[in-house]
């Protein structure tokens, strides 16, 4: 696609110290470059960068943000004022806390059962174990399986210990789905609202390395679920996601259920499907051509 001369620079954003490599970064940078745009791989936590010098800032692998959240969120807000943030600020604001799972479930989306435990609150573990058996505990603001653990049915001591270690965080409690252990999740990548490709990802716990597998074709009910979720996001009026990853698994009744909706910094697997990086670059450039950068306030 032709690029207007006014679109000069795009930042593909990562962090200074990645917990694991992101091989998709250079693929996306080169996709912009092949379309006549100067794309720079830049770290959000590099304080020397003037973000207003970019026409767009495309978040990709800011994977240390959980540990640096007190710095990351002010950076998000300041960058949204300085330039075009992709995905947009309001989408990120809605997606950053996993209470969205409870909201989507209330709207009829088949979702993994989820209980939100606010910071400082100790839940009734015996009741939770009686209801769900083996469980998963994770922070409500997290990335890369940060502080995500499985707890054997009835192990109240382990659950309390993990809760105490994360006492200042909102936490999610969910049943462990055997399908995640046996079959893995389907990570479905959508660009501009259109399905692109999917990866099988195995179970991953706190401290473990990435466990993604090969490309796959999702089942029809999994695609229908993803499209239902994205339609709800679109109807909320918080912006159109340039990229999204919809993670689904099979519940104990073999239904497709939403595990997570990743709209901030998901792996999009561009190293495996380079053409998809070109698709995202074109979406970003088309978005830029529709309007100017926000003014600094």
Protein backbone atom coordinates (compact mmCIF):
# COMPACT_ATOMS: atom_id res chain seq x y z
CA UNK A 1 0.00 0.00 0.00
CA UNK A 2 1.28 3.53 -0.66
CA UNK A 3 2.46 5.42 2.41
CA UNK A 4 1.91 9.14 2.80
CA UNK A 5 5.09 11.15 3.31
CA UNK A 6 3.76 12.42 6.64
CA UNK A 7 4.12 8.91 8.13
CA UNK A 8 7.81 8.74 8.94
CA UNK A 9 8.57 6.78 12.10
CA UNK A 10 6.99 3.90 13.99
CA UNK A 11 8.21 2.36 17.26
CA UNK A 12 7.87 -1.39 17.78
CA UNK A 13 7.95 -1.54 21.56
CA UNK A 14 9.59 -4.10 23.81
CA UNK A 15 11.48 -3.77 27.12
CA UNK A 16 15.17 -3.44 27.96
CA UNK A 17 15.48 -6.89 29.52
CA UNK A 18 13.22 -9.50 27.96
CA UNK A 19 12.34 -12.51 30.14
CA UNK A 20 12.48 -14.55 26.93
CA UNK A 21 13.31 -13.72 23.29
CA UNK A 22 10.70 -12.17 21.01
CA UNK A 23 11.65 -13.32 17.50
CA UNK A 24 8.67 -11.47 16.03
CA UNK A 25 10.16 -8.03 16.72
CA UNK A 26 12.53 -7.84 13.73
CA UNK A 27 9.87 -9.37 11.48
CA UNK A 28 7.42 -6.57 12.27
CA UNK A 29 10.13 -3.92 12.02
CA UNK A 30 11.09 -5.18 8.57
CA UNK A 31 7.43 -5.29 7.51
CA UNK A 32 7.18 -1.56 8.20
CA UNK A 33 10.52 -0.96 6.50
CA UNK A 34 9.42 -2.72 3.32
CA UNK A 35 6.50 -0.27 3.21
CA UNK A 36 8.73 2.77 3.32
CA UNK A 37 8.46 3.49 7.04
CA UNK A 38 11.38 3.92 9.44
CA UNK A 39 10.57 1.42 12.21
CA UNK A 40 12.61 1.27 15.41
CA UNK A 41 12.63 -1.45 18.03
CA UNK A 42 12.45 0.56 21.26
CA UNK A 43 12.13 -0.31 24.95
CA UNK A 44 9.30 1.29 26.89
CA UNK A 45 11.57 1.59 29.93
CA UNK A 46 14.32 3.46 28.07
CA UNK A 47 13.92 6.91 29.60
CA UNK A 48 16.04 8.57 26.91
CA UNK A 49 13.39 8.08 24.20
CA UNK A 50 11.15 10.94 23.10
CA UNK A 51 7.98 9.07 22.16
CA UNK A 52 6.43 12.13 20.55
CA UNK A 53 8.96 11.68 17.75
CA UNK A 54 7.07 8.62 16.52
CA UNK A 55 3.91 8.67 14.44
CA UNK A 56 2.78 5.48 16.17
CA UNK A 57 3.90 3.29 19.06
CA UNK A 58 2.99 -0.38 18.57
CA UNK A 59 3.23 -2.37 21.80
CA UNK A 60 4.64 -5.86 21.29
CA UNK A 61 6.70 -7.41 24.09
CA UNK A 62 6.64 -5.14 27.14
CA UNK A 63 6.80 -8.32 29.19
CA UNK A 64 8.33 -6.86 32.36
CA UNK A 65 5.42 -4.51 32.93
CA UNK A 66 3.93 -6.50 35.80
CA UNK A 67 7.02 -6.07 37.95
CA UNK A 68 7.29 -2.40 36.88
CA UNK A 69 3.59 -1.56 36.84
CA UNK A 70 3.97 1.64 38.88
CA UNK A 71 6.18 2.95 36.07
CA UNK A 72 4.49 1.21 33.16
CA UNK A 73 1.01 2.65 33.59
CA UNK A 74 2.18 6.30 33.70
CA UNK A 75 4.24 5.54 30.58
CA UNK A 76 1.13 4.18 28.83
CA UNK A 77 -0.89 7.29 29.64
CA UNK A 78 1.90 9.71 28.72
CA UNK A 79 2.62 7.92 25.44
CA UNK A 80 -1.07 7.96 24.51
CA UNK A 81 -0.98 11.75 24.90
CA UNK A 82 2.21 12.11 22.91
CA UNK A 83 1.46 9.93 19.88
CA UNK A 84 -0.82 7.22 18.46
CA UNK A 85 -0.77 4.24 20.81
CA UNK A 86 -1.63 0.86 19.32
CA UNK A 87 -3.67 -0.73 20.69
CA UNK A 88 -5.47 2.42 21.93
CA UNK A 89 -5.36 3.53 25.56
CA UNK A 90 -9.00 2.70 26.36
CA UNK A 91 -8.61 -0.85 25.10
CA UNK A 92 -5.50 -1.29 27.24
CA UNK A 93 -7.23 0.23 30.26
CA UNK A 94 -10.10 -2.27 29.95
CA UNK A 95 -7.85 -5.27 29.25
CA UNK A 96 -5.09 -4.68 31.80
CA UNK A 97 -7.09 -6.21 34.69
CA UNK A 98 -8.52 -9.67 34.13
CA UNK A 99 -11.84 -8.77 35.71
CA UNK A 100 -12.86 -8.49 32.05
CA UNK A 101 -13.30 -12.30 32.17
CA UNK A 102 -16.09 -11.89 34.71
CA UNK A 103 -17.65 -9.10 32.65
CA UNK A 104 -17.59 -11.19 29.48
CA UNK A 105 -19.06 -14.20 31.29
CA UNK A 106 -21.93 -12.01 32.51
CA UNK A 107 -22.57 -11.07 28.87
CA UNK A 108 -22.97 -14.71 27.88
CA UNK A 109 -19.44 -15.55 26.72
CA UNK A 110 -18.42 -19.13 27.58
CA UNK A 111 -15.50 -18.42 29.90
CA UNK A 112 -13.36 -20.46 32.27
CA UNK A 113 -14.99 -20.18 35.70
CA UNK A 114 -13.30 -17.30 37.53
CA UNK A 115 -13.48 -15.88 41.04
CA UNK A 116 -11.86 -12.50 41.71
CA UNK A 117 -10.17 -12.24 45.11
CA UNK A 118 -9.46 -8.57 45.93
CA UNK A 119 -6.15 -7.55 47.45
CA UNK A 120 -5.96 -8.34 51.15
CA UNK A 121 -8.90 -10.77 51.07
CA UNK A 122 -8.55 -14.43 52.03
CA UNK A 123 -11.16 -16.60 50.25
CA UNK A 124 -12.90 -19.66 51.66
CA UNK A 125 -10.45 -22.20 50.27
CA UNK A 126 -12.37 -25.26 51.47
CA UNK A 127 -15.44 -24.09 49.55
CA UNK A 128 -13.39 -23.40 46.42
CA UNK A 129 -11.75 -26.83 46.50
CA UNK A 130 -15.13 -28.50 47.06
CA UNK A 131 -16.51 -26.70 44.02
CA UNK A 132 -13.61 -27.06 41.58
CA UNK A 133 -11.07 -29.59 42.81
CA UNK A 134 -7.57 -28.68 41.63
CA UNK A 135 -7.26 -24.95 41.03
CA UNK A 136 -5.12 -22.29 39.38
CA UNK A 137 -4.11 -19.07 41.14
CA UNK A 138 -2.88 -16.04 39.19
CA UNK A 139 -2.68 -12.27 39.64
CA UNK A 140 -5.44 -10.26 37.99
CA UNK A 141 -2.74 -8.09 36.40
CA UNK A 142 -0.13 -10.41 34.95
CA UNK A 143 1.79 -11.48 31.88
CA UNK A 144 3.88 -14.47 30.92
CA UNK A 145 2.38 -16.71 33.65
CA UNK A 146 3.79 -14.40 36.33
CA UNK A 147 2.96 -15.87 39.76
CA UNK A 148 0.60 -18.40 38.15
CA UNK A 149 0.49 -21.71 40.01
CA UNK A 150 -1.63 -24.84 40.21
CA UNK A 151 -2.74 -26.07 43.62
CA UNK A 152 -3.74 -29.65 44.34
CA UNK A 153 -7.28 -30.21 45.59
CA UNK A 154 -7.48 -29.64 49.33
CA UNK A 155 -4.00 -28.13 49.73
CA UNK A 156 -5.20 -25.14 51.73
CA UNK A 157 -1.70 -24.47 53.07
CA UNK A 158 -0.23 -24.05 49.57
CA UNK A 159 -3.13 -21.82 48.49
CA UNK A 160 -2.81 -19.62 51.57
CA UNK A 161 0.95 -19.38 51.19
CA UNK A 162 0.68 -18.21 47.59
CA UNK A 163 -2.09 -15.79 48.48
CA UNK A 164 0.00 -14.35 51.31
CA UNK A 165 2.98 -13.91 48.98
CA UNK A 166 0.73 -11.87 46.68
CA UNK A 167 -1.37 -10.21 49.36
CA UNK A 168 -1.21 -6.76 47.77
CA UNK A 169 -2.53 -8.04 44.43
CA UNK A 170 -6.00 -8.83 43.19
CA UNK A 171 -5.93 -12.53 42.38
CA UNK A 172 -7.98 -14.87 40.19
CA UNK A 173 -8.99 -18.37 41.23
CA UNK A 174 -9.98 -20.79 38.47
CA UNK A 175 -10.49 -24.54 38.13
CA UNK A 176 -7.63 -26.41 36.50
CA UNK A 177 -8.81 -27.65 33.09
CA UNK A 178 -7.31 -31.01 32.20
CA UNK A 179 -7.56 -30.14 28.52
CA UNK A 180 -4.91 -27.46 29.02
CA UNK A 181 -2.53 -30.11 30.35
CA UNK A 182 -3.43 -32.74 27.75
CA UNK A 183 -4.15 -30.71 24.61
CA UNK A 184 -2.99 -27.19 25.34
CA UNK A 185 -4.72 -23.91 24.60
CA UNK A 186 -5.48 -22.50 21.16
CA UNK A 187 -3.91 -19.04 20.83
CA UNK A 188 -5.85 -17.43 17.95
CA UNK A 189 -4.37 -14.27 16.41
CA UNK A 190 -6.71 -11.66 14.94
CA UNK A 191 -5.51 -8.60 13.02
CA UNK A 192 -8.00 -5.87 12.18
CA UNK A 193 -10.76 -8.16 13.42
CA UNK A 194 -9.86 -10.95 10.97
CA UNK A 195 -8.53 -14.36 11.95
CA UNK A 196 -4.94 -14.89 10.81
CA UNK A 197 -3.46 -17.99 12.42
CA UNK A 198 -3.43 -20.05 15.60
CA UNK A 199 -0.80 -21.74 17.75
CA UNK A 200 -1.11 -24.58 20.22
CA UNK A 201 0.33 -23.57 23.61
CA UNK A 202 1.01 -25.99 26.44
CA UNK A 203 0.43 -25.32 30.12
CA UNK A 204 2.92 -22.88 31.61
CA UNK A 205 3.48 -22.02 35.25
CA UNK A 206 5.38 -19.28 37.05
CA UNK A 207 9.10 -19.43 36.26
CA UNK A 208 8.75 -21.78 33.28
CA UNK A 209 9.79 -20.98 29.72
CA UNK A 210 7.43 -20.47 26.78
CA UNK A 211 5.60 -23.66 25.80
CA UNK A 212 4.09 -22.77 22.42
CA UNK A 213 3.80 -25.44 19.76
CA UNK A 214 2.96 -25.54 16.08
CA UNK A 215 0.35 -23.91 13.89
CA UNK A 216 -3.14 -25.40 13.96
CA UNK A 217 -6.60 -24.83 12.55
CA UNK A 218 -9.08 -24.04 15.33
CA UNK A 219 -12.43 -25.77 15.52
CA UNK A 220 -15.50 -23.87 14.34
CA UNK A 221 -16.84 -23.34 17.86
CA UNK A 222 -13.48 -21.88 18.92
CA UNK A 223 -13.57 -19.39 16.05
CA UNK A 224 -17.19 -18.55 16.84
CA UNK A 225 -16.22 -17.88 20.45
CA UNK A 226 -13.37 -15.58 19.43
CA UNK A 227 -15.63 -13.62 17.09
CA UNK A 228 -18.27 -13.28 19.83
CA UNK A 229 -15.67 -11.85 22.20
CA UNK A 230 -14.27 -9.38 19.68
CA UNK A 231 -17.78 -8.24 18.72
CA UNK A 232 -18.41 -7.35 22.37
CA UNK A 233 -15.16 -5.37 22.55
CA UNK A 234 -16.13 -3.54 19.37
CA UNK A 235 -19.60 -2.75 20.74
CA UNK A 236 -18.11 -1.24 23.91
CA UNK A 237 -16.90 1.76 21.90
CA UNK A 238 -13.39 1.69 23.37
CA UNK A 239 -11.65 1.45 20.02
CA UNK A 240 -10.91 -1.15 17.37
CA UNK A 241 -8.08 -3.54 18.27
CA UNK A 242 -5.41 -3.59 15.59
CA UNK A 243 -4.28 -6.92 17.03
CA UNK A 244 -5.80 -9.40 19.44
CA UNK A 245 -5.04 -12.87 20.67
CA UNK A 246 -7.93 -14.96 21.87
CA UNK A 247 -6.83 -17.91 24.01
CA UNK A 248 -9.34 -20.74 24.35
CA UNK A 249 -9.42 -24.25 25.78
CA UNK A 250 -11.98 -27.03 26.32
CA UNK A 251 -13.78 -27.21 29.64
CA UNK A 252 -14.81 -30.35 31.52
CA UNK A 253 -17.85 -30.67 29.24
CA UNK A 254 -15.69 -30.25 26.11
CA UNK A 255 -17.06 -26.74 25.44
CA UNK A 256 -14.78 -24.09 23.99
CA UNK A 257 -14.20 -21.51 26.74
CA UNK A 258 -12.27 -18.27 26.85
CA UNK A 259 -9.08 -18.42 28.92
CA UNK A 260 -7.75 -14.94 28.17
CA UNK A 261 -8.23 -12.10 25.71
CA UNK A 262 -4.82 -10.54 25.04
CA UNK A 263 -5.02 -6.97 23.72
CA UNK A 264 -1.82 -5.45 25.12
CA UNK A 265 1.40 -7.39 24.57
CA UNK A 266 0.67 -10.94 23.36
CA UNK A 267 3.06 -13.03 21.34
CA UNK A 268 1.68 -12.87 17.79
CA UNK A 269 4.13 -15.44 16.34
CA UNK A 270 5.23 -13.30 13.39
CA UNK A 271 8.41 -15.36 13.09
CA UNK A 272 6.22 -18.30 12.07
CA UNK A 273 3.82 -16.35 9.86
CA UNK A 274 5.78 -13.36 8.47
CA UNK A 275 2.94 -12.35 6.15
CA UNK A 276 0.85 -11.54 9.22
CA UNK A 277 3.41 -8.93 10.25
CA UNK A 278 2.82 -7.24 6.92
CA UNK A 279 -0.91 -7.32 7.57
CA UNK A 280 -0.45 -5.57 10.94
CA UNK A 281 1.86 -2.98 9.40
CA UNK A 282 -0.80 -2.16 6.80
CA UNK A 283 -3.48 -1.86 9.50
CA UNK A 284 -1.31 0.53 11.51
CA UNK A 285 -0.51 2.67 8.47
CA UNK A 286 -4.17 2.81 7.45
CA UNK A 287 -5.06 3.91 10.99
CA UNK A 288 -2.46 6.68 10.84
CA UNK A 289 -3.78 7.94 7.53
CA UNK A 290 -7.22 8.37 9.10
CA UNK A 291 -6.06 11.02 11.60
CA UNK A 292 -3.25 12.97 13.17
CA UNK A 293 -1.32 12.35 16.34
CA UNK A 294 -2.83 13.56 19.61
CA UNK A 295 -1.57 16.88 20.89
CA UNK A 296 0.66 16.92 23.93
CA UNK A 297 -1.17 18.18 27.01
